Amino acid sequence: MSRRKDIDIKAMRRTLEEEREAVQRSSAATADDRNPVELDQQSVGRLSRIDAIQVQEMARATEVRRKERLLRIGGALKRIEDGSFGECLECGEDIAAKRLQLDPTVLLCIDCAG
């Protein structure tokens, strides 16, 4: 567990776990949007097919961002477990509590991030 006394580690863990579940639900709910687009010109018009391909590409890009977020959440949960949560990976100083409250997955303090 983290040594930080200025942040509520249990609340941070709970927030991260809730976000992870929400991202996973969102991913599952939009799985069909990422499926290949049917190229049968007899059943779908050209413009409809182009629209479907555009929707598919946007869904795939969104899924990439979801996976990246899940990795960041997993990393933050691991840091909570190993006691390094809230420490800047560059300088080792504490990341400001307000910065962590805005995004508990941040890796760097404001000085090192800038």
N, C-alpha and C. Protein backbone atom coordinates (compact mmCIF):
# COMPACT_ATOMS: atom_id res chain seq x y z
N MET A 1 0.84 -1.20 0.00
CA MET A 1 0.00 0.00 0.00
C MET A 1 0.87 1.25 0.00
N SER A 2 0.32 2.30 -0.58
CA SER A 2 1.04 3.57 -0.68
C SER A 2 1.21 4.21 0.69
N ARG A 3 2.30 4.97 0.84
CA ARG A 3 2.56 5.67 2.08
C ARG A 3 1.85 7.01 2.13
N ARG A 4 1.25 7.43 1.04
CA ARG A 4 0.65 8.76 0.94
C ARG A 4 -0.47 8.93 1.96
N LYS A 5 -0.42 10.03 2.67
CA LYS A 5 -1.46 10.34 3.66
C LYS A 5 -2.41 11.42 3.15
N ASP A 6 -2.03 12.10 2.05
CA ASP A 6 -2.84 13.21 1.55
C ASP A 6 -3.88 12.77 0.52
N ILE A 7 -3.91 11.47 0.20
CA ILE A 7 -4.92 10.96 -0.74
C ILE A 7 -5.56 9.71 -0.16
N ASP A 8 -6.80 9.48 -0.52
CA ASP A 8 -7.55 8.32 -0.06
C ASP A 8 -7.31 7.18 -1.06
N ILE A 9 -6.39 6.30 -0.72
CA ILE A 9 -5.99 5.22 -1.62
C ILE A 9 -7.18 4.29 -1.91
N LYS A 10 -7.99 4.00 -0.89
CA LYS A 10 -9.14 3.12 -1.12
C LYS A 10 -10.11 3.74 -2.12
N ALA A 11 -10.33 5.03 -2.01
CA ALA A 11 -11.22 5.72 -2.94
C ALA A 11 -10.62 5.72 -4.35
N MET A 12 -9.31 5.92 -4.45
CA MET A 12 -8.65 5.89 -5.75
C MET A 12 -8.79 4.51 -6.38
N ARG A 13 -8.57 3.47 -5.59
CA ARG A 13 -8.71 2.10 -6.09
C ARG A 13 -10.14 1.86 -6.58
N ARG A 14 -11.09 2.29 -5.79
CA ARG A 14 -12.51 2.10 -6.14
C ARG A 14 -12.83 2.84 -7.44
N THR A 15 -12.34 4.08 -7.57
CA THR A 15 -12.56 4.87 -8.78
C THR A 15 -11.96 4.17 -10.00
N LEU A 16 -10.74 3.67 -9.85
CA LEU A 16 -10.07 2.99 -10.95
C LEU A 16 -10.80 1.70 -11.34
N GLU A 17 -11.23 0.95 -10.35
CA GLU A 17 -11.94 -0.30 -10.64
C GLU A 17 -13.28 -0.03 -11.32
N GLU A 18 -13.98 1.01 -10.87
CA GLU A 18 -15.26 1.38 -11.50
C GLU A 18 -15.05 1.83 -12.93
N GLU A 19 -13.99 2.62 -13.17
CA GLU A 19 -13.71 3.06 -14.52
C GLU A 19 -13.35 1.88 -15.41
N ARG A 20 -12.55 0.97 -14.87
CA ARG A 20 -12.18 -0.22 -15.65
C ARG A 20 -13.42 -1.01 -16.07
N GLU A 21 -14.35 -1.19 -15.15
CA GLU A 21 -15.58 -1.91 -15.47
C GLU A 21 -16.40 -1.16 -16.52
N ALA A 22 -16.48 0.16 -16.41
CA ALA A 22 -17.24 0.96 -17.37
C ALA A 22 -16.62 0.88 -18.77
N VAL A 23 -15.30 0.94 -18.84
CA VAL A 23 -14.61 0.85 -20.13
C VAL A 23 -14.84 -0.53 -20.74
N GLN A 24 -14.76 -1.57 -19.92
CA GLN A 24 -14.99 -2.93 -20.42
C GLN A 24 -16.43 -3.11 -20.91
N ARG A 25 -17.39 -2.55 -20.19
CA ARG A 25 -18.80 -2.63 -20.63
C ARG A 25 -19.00 -1.89 -21.94
N SER A 26 -18.40 -0.74 -22.05
CA SER A 26 -18.51 0.05 -23.27
C SER A 26 -17.90 -0.69 -24.46
N SER A 27 -16.79 -1.33 -24.23
CA SER A 27 -16.13 -2.11 -25.28
C SER A 27 -17.03 -3.26 -25.74
N ALA A 28 -17.60 -3.96 -24.79
CA ALA A 28 -18.48 -5.08 -25.14
C ALA A 28 -19.73 -4.60 -25.88
N ALA A 29 -20.26 -3.46 -25.47
CA ALA A 29 -21.49 -2.95 -26.08
C ALA A 29 -21.29 -2.49 -27.52
N THR A 30 -20.07 -2.14 -27.88
CA THR A 30 -19.82 -1.64 -29.24
C THR A 30 -19.04 -2.63 -30.10
N ALA A 31 -18.97 -3.87 -29.67
CA ALA A 31 -18.19 -4.88 -30.41
C ALA A 31 -18.71 -5.04 -31.84
N ASP A 32 -20.01 -5.02 -32.04
CA ASP A 32 -20.57 -5.19 -33.38
C ASP A 32 -20.15 -4.08 -34.33
N ASP A 33 -19.95 -2.89 -33.81
CA ASP A 33 -19.56 -1.75 -34.66
C ASP A 33 -18.17 -1.95 -35.27
N ARG A 34 -17.36 -2.82 -34.66
CA ARG A 34 -16.00 -3.04 -35.15
C ARG A 34 -15.91 -4.22 -36.12
N ASN A 35 -17.02 -4.91 -36.33
CA ASN A 35 -17.02 -6.06 -37.24
C ASN A 35 -16.81 -5.61 -38.69
N PRO A 36 -16.29 -6.50 -39.53
CA PRO A 36 -16.10 -6.15 -40.95
C PRO A 36 -17.41 -5.72 -41.61
N VAL A 37 -17.29 -4.77 -42.54
CA VAL A 37 -18.45 -4.26 -43.26
C VAL A 37 -18.71 -5.15 -44.46
N GLU A 38 -19.96 -5.53 -44.64
CA GLU A 38 -20.37 -6.35 -45.78
C GLU A 38 -20.17 -5.57 -47.07
N LEU A 39 -19.50 -6.17 -48.03
CA LEU A 39 -19.21 -5.48 -49.29
C LEU A 39 -20.15 -5.87 -50.42
N ASP A 40 -21.26 -6.49 -50.12
CA ASP A 40 -22.24 -6.89 -51.13
C ASP A 40 -22.99 -5.67 -51.64
N GLN A 41 -22.70 -5.26 -52.87
CA GLN A 41 -23.32 -4.07 -53.45
C GLN A 41 -24.80 -4.26 -53.74
N GLN A 42 -25.26 -5.49 -53.78
CA GLN A 42 -26.67 -5.75 -54.05
C GLN A 42 -27.55 -5.41 -52.84
N SER A 43 -27.02 -5.63 -51.64
CA SER A 43 -27.84 -5.42 -50.45
C SER A 43 -27.60 -4.05 -49.80
N VAL A 44 -26.46 -3.43 -50.08
CA VAL A 44 -26.14 -2.14 -49.45
C VAL A 44 -25.64 -1.20 -50.54
N GLY A 45 -26.18 0.00 -50.56
CA GLY A 45 -25.73 0.99 -51.53
C GLY A 45 -24.32 1.47 -51.22
N ARG A 46 -23.71 2.08 -52.23
CA ARG A 46 -22.31 2.54 -52.11
C ARG A 46 -22.14 3.53 -50.96
N LEU A 47 -23.02 4.52 -50.85
CA LEU A 47 -22.89 5.53 -49.78
C LEU A 47 -23.14 4.92 -48.42
N SER A 48 -24.09 4.00 -48.34
CA SER A 48 -24.35 3.33 -47.06
C SER A 48 -23.14 2.52 -46.63
N ARG A 49 -22.50 1.88 -47.61
CA ARG A 49 -21.31 1.09 -47.32
C ARG A 49 -20.17 1.99 -46.84
N ILE A 50 -20.01 3.14 -47.49
CA ILE A 50 -18.97 4.09 -47.08
C ILE A 50 -19.25 4.58 -45.66
N ASP A 51 -20.51 4.88 -45.36
CA ASP A 51 -20.87 5.30 -44.00
C ASP A 51 -20.56 4.19 -43.00
N ALA A 52 -20.88 2.96 -43.37
CA ALA A 52 -20.65 1.83 -42.47
C ALA A 52 -19.15 1.64 -42.22
N ILE A 53 -18.34 1.81 -43.26
CA ILE A 53 -16.89 1.68 -43.11
C ILE A 53 -16.36 2.79 -42.21
N GLN A 54 -16.89 4.00 -42.36
CA GLN A 54 -16.46 5.12 -41.52
C GLN A 54 -16.81 4.84 -40.06
N VAL A 55 -18.01 4.35 -39.80
CA VAL A 55 -18.44 4.01 -38.44
C VAL A 55 -17.52 2.93 -37.87
N GLN A 56 -17.21 1.94 -38.70
CA GLN A 56 -16.33 0.86 -38.26
C GLN A 56 -14.95 1.38 -37.88
N GLU A 57 -14.37 2.25 -38.69
CA GLU A 57 -13.05 2.79 -38.40
C GLU A 57 -13.05 3.65 -37.15
N MET A 58 -14.10 4.43 -36.96
CA MET A 58 -14.19 5.24 -35.74
C MET A 58 -14.32 4.33 -34.52
N ALA A 59 -15.10 3.25 -34.64
CA ALA A 59 -15.25 2.31 -33.53
C ALA A 59 -13.93 1.62 -33.21
N ARG A 60 -13.17 1.29 -34.24
CA ARG A 60 -11.87 0.66 -34.01
C ARG A 60 -10.91 1.63 -33.32
N ALA A 61 -10.90 2.88 -33.74
CA ALA A 61 -10.03 3.88 -33.12
C ALA A 61 -10.42 4.09 -31.65
N THR A 62 -11.71 4.11 -31.40
CA THR A 62 -12.19 4.26 -30.02
C THR A 62 -11.76 3.07 -29.18
N GLU A 63 -11.81 1.88 -29.77
CA GLU A 63 -11.39 0.68 -29.04
C GLU A 63 -9.90 0.72 -28.71
N VAL A 64 -9.09 1.24 -29.60
CA VAL A 64 -7.65 1.39 -29.32
C VAL A 64 -7.46 2.30 -28.11
N ARG A 65 -8.21 3.41 -28.07
CA ARG A 65 -8.11 4.34 -26.92
C ARG A 65 -8.60 3.65 -25.64
N ARG A 66 -9.63 2.83 -25.74
CA ARG A 66 -10.12 2.10 -24.56
C ARG A 66 -9.04 1.16 -24.04
N LYS A 67 -8.40 0.43 -24.93
CA LYS A 67 -7.37 -0.51 -24.51
C LYS A 67 -6.20 0.21 -23.87
N GLU A 68 -5.82 1.36 -24.41
CA GLU A 68 -4.76 2.15 -23.81
C GLU A 68 -5.16 2.61 -22.42
N ARG A 69 -6.42 3.02 -22.26
CA ARG A 69 -6.90 3.46 -20.95
C ARG A 69 -6.88 2.30 -19.95
N LEU A 70 -7.31 1.11 -20.42
CA LEU A 70 -7.29 -0.05 -19.54
C LEU A 70 -5.87 -0.38 -19.07
N LEU A 71 -4.89 -0.22 -19.96
CA LEU A 71 -3.50 -0.44 -19.56
C LEU A 71 -3.07 0.56 -18.50
N ARG A 72 -3.46 1.82 -18.67
CA ARG A 72 -3.11 2.86 -17.69
C ARG A 72 -3.79 2.58 -16.35
N ILE A 73 -5.05 2.15 -16.39
CA ILE A 73 -5.77 1.82 -15.16
C ILE A 73 -5.10 0.64 -14.46
N GLY A 74 -4.76 -0.39 -15.24
CA GLY A 74 -4.08 -1.55 -14.67
C GLY A 74 -2.76 -1.17 -14.03
N GLY A 75 -2.03 -0.27 -14.67
CA GLY A 75 -0.76 0.20 -14.11
C GLY A 75 -0.96 0.94 -12.81
N ALA A 76 -1.98 1.78 -12.75
CA ALA A 76 -2.26 2.53 -11.52
C ALA A 76 -2.65 1.57 -10.39
N LEU A 77 -3.47 0.57 -10.70
CA LEU A 77 -3.86 -0.41 -9.67
C LEU A 77 -2.63 -1.19 -9.19
N LYS A 78 -1.72 -1.51 -10.09
CA LYS A 78 -0.50 -2.21 -9.71
C LYS A 78 0.36 -1.32 -8.79
N ARG A 79 0.43 -0.03 -9.13
CA ARG A 79 1.20 0.89 -8.29
C ARG A 79 0.57 1.04 -6.90
N ILE A 80 -0.75 0.97 -6.83
CA ILE A 80 -1.41 1.01 -5.52
C ILE A 80 -0.97 -0.21 -4.71
N GLU A 81 -0.96 -1.37 -5.35
CA GLU A 81 -0.58 -2.61 -4.66
C GLU A 81 0.88 -2.61 -4.21
N ASP A 82 1.76 -2.09 -5.05
CA ASP A 82 3.19 -2.16 -4.69
C ASP A 82 3.66 -0.95 -3.87
N GLY A 83 2.74 -0.01 -3.61
CA GLY A 83 3.08 1.11 -2.74
C GLY A 83 3.70 2.30 -3.43
N SER A 84 3.76 2.29 -4.75
CA SER A 84 4.38 3.41 -5.45
C SER A 84 3.36 4.36 -6.08
N PHE A 85 2.09 4.16 -5.80
CA PHE A 85 1.06 5.03 -6.37
C PHE A 85 1.27 6.47 -5.92
N GLY A 86 1.21 7.37 -6.90
CA GLY A 86 1.34 8.78 -6.60
C GLY A 86 2.76 9.30 -6.64
N GLU A 87 3.73 8.43 -6.94
CA GLU A 87 5.12 8.86 -7.07
C GLU A 87 5.42 9.11 -8.55
N CYS A 88 6.09 10.20 -8.84
CA CYS A 88 6.49 10.53 -10.20
C CYS A 88 7.52 9.51 -10.69
N LEU A 89 7.29 8.98 -11.87
CA LEU A 89 8.23 8.00 -12.42
C LEU A 89 9.56 8.62 -12.85
N GLU A 90 9.59 9.93 -13.05
CA GLU A 90 10.82 10.61 -13.46
C GLU A 90 11.69 10.98 -12.26
N CYS A 91 11.10 11.75 -11.35
CA CYS A 91 11.90 12.31 -10.25
C CYS A 91 11.68 11.62 -8.90
N GLY A 92 10.62 10.82 -8.80
CA GLY A 92 10.34 10.12 -7.55
C GLY A 92 9.59 10.93 -6.52
N GLU A 93 9.35 12.22 -6.80
CA GLU A 93 8.59 13.07 -5.86
C GLU A 93 7.10 12.71 -5.95
N ASP A 94 6.35 13.14 -4.93
CA ASP A 94 4.91 12.90 -4.93
C ASP A 94 4.22 13.73 -6.01
N ILE A 95 3.28 13.11 -6.69
CA ILE A 95 2.42 13.82 -7.64
C ILE A 95 1.35 14.51 -6.81
N ALA A 96 1.01 15.73 -7.16
CA ALA A 96 0.01 16.50 -6.40
C ALA A 96 -1.31 15.73 -6.30
N ALA A 97 -1.90 15.77 -5.11
CA ALA A 97 -3.15 15.05 -4.86
C ALA A 97 -4.25 15.49 -5.83
N LYS A 98 -4.34 16.78 -6.11
CA LYS A 98 -5.37 17.26 -7.03
C LYS A 98 -5.17 16.70 -8.43
N ARG A 99 -3.92 16.56 -8.84
CA ARG A 99 -3.61 15.99 -10.15
C ARG A 99 -4.06 14.53 -10.20
N LEU A 100 -3.82 13.80 -9.13
CA LEU A 100 -4.24 12.40 -9.06
C LEU A 100 -5.76 12.27 -9.00
N GLN A 101 -6.41 13.22 -8.35
CA GLN A 101 -7.87 13.17 -8.29
C GLN A 101 -8.48 13.39 -9.67
N LEU A 102 -7.85 14.24 -10.47
CA LEU A 102 -8.33 14.46 -11.84
C LEU A 102 -8.11 13.25 -12.71
N ASP A 103 -6.97 12.61 -12.57
CA ASP A 103 -6.66 11.41 -13.34
C ASP A 103 -5.72 10.53 -12.52
N PRO A 104 -6.27 9.51 -11.88
CA PRO A 104 -5.43 8.66 -11.01
C PRO A 104 -4.40 7.83 -11.77
N THR A 105 -4.41 7.88 -13.10
CA THR A 105 -3.45 7.09 -13.87
C THR A 105 -2.20 7.89 -14.27
N VAL A 106 -2.12 9.17 -13.89
CA VAL A 106 -0.97 9.97 -14.29
C VAL A 106 0.32 9.37 -13.74
N LEU A 107 1.37 9.51 -14.50
CA LEU A 107 2.66 8.90 -14.15
C LEU A 107 3.70 9.91 -13.70
N LEU A 108 3.48 11.18 -14.04
CA LEU A 108 4.48 12.20 -13.79
C LEU A 108 3.91 13.37 -13.01
N CYS A 109 4.76 14.01 -12.20
CA CYS A 109 4.36 15.24 -11.54
C CYS A 109 4.27 16.34 -12.60
N ILE A 110 3.71 17.46 -12.23
CA ILE A 110 3.50 18.55 -13.19
C ILE A 110 4.83 19.08 -13.73
N ASP A 111 5.86 19.11 -12.90
CA ASP A 111 7.16 19.61 -13.35
C ASP A 111 7.76 18.70 -14.41
N CYS A 112 7.70 17.40 -14.20
CA CYS A 112 8.29 16.45 -15.15
C CYS A 112 7.41 16.28 -16.40
N ALA A 113 6.12 16.50 -16.24
CA ALA A 113 5.21 16.36 -17.38
C ALA A 113 5.36 17.53 -18.34
N GLY A 114 5.80 18.68 -17.81
CA GLY A 114 5.90 19.90 -18.61
C GLY A 114 7.11 19.91 -19.43
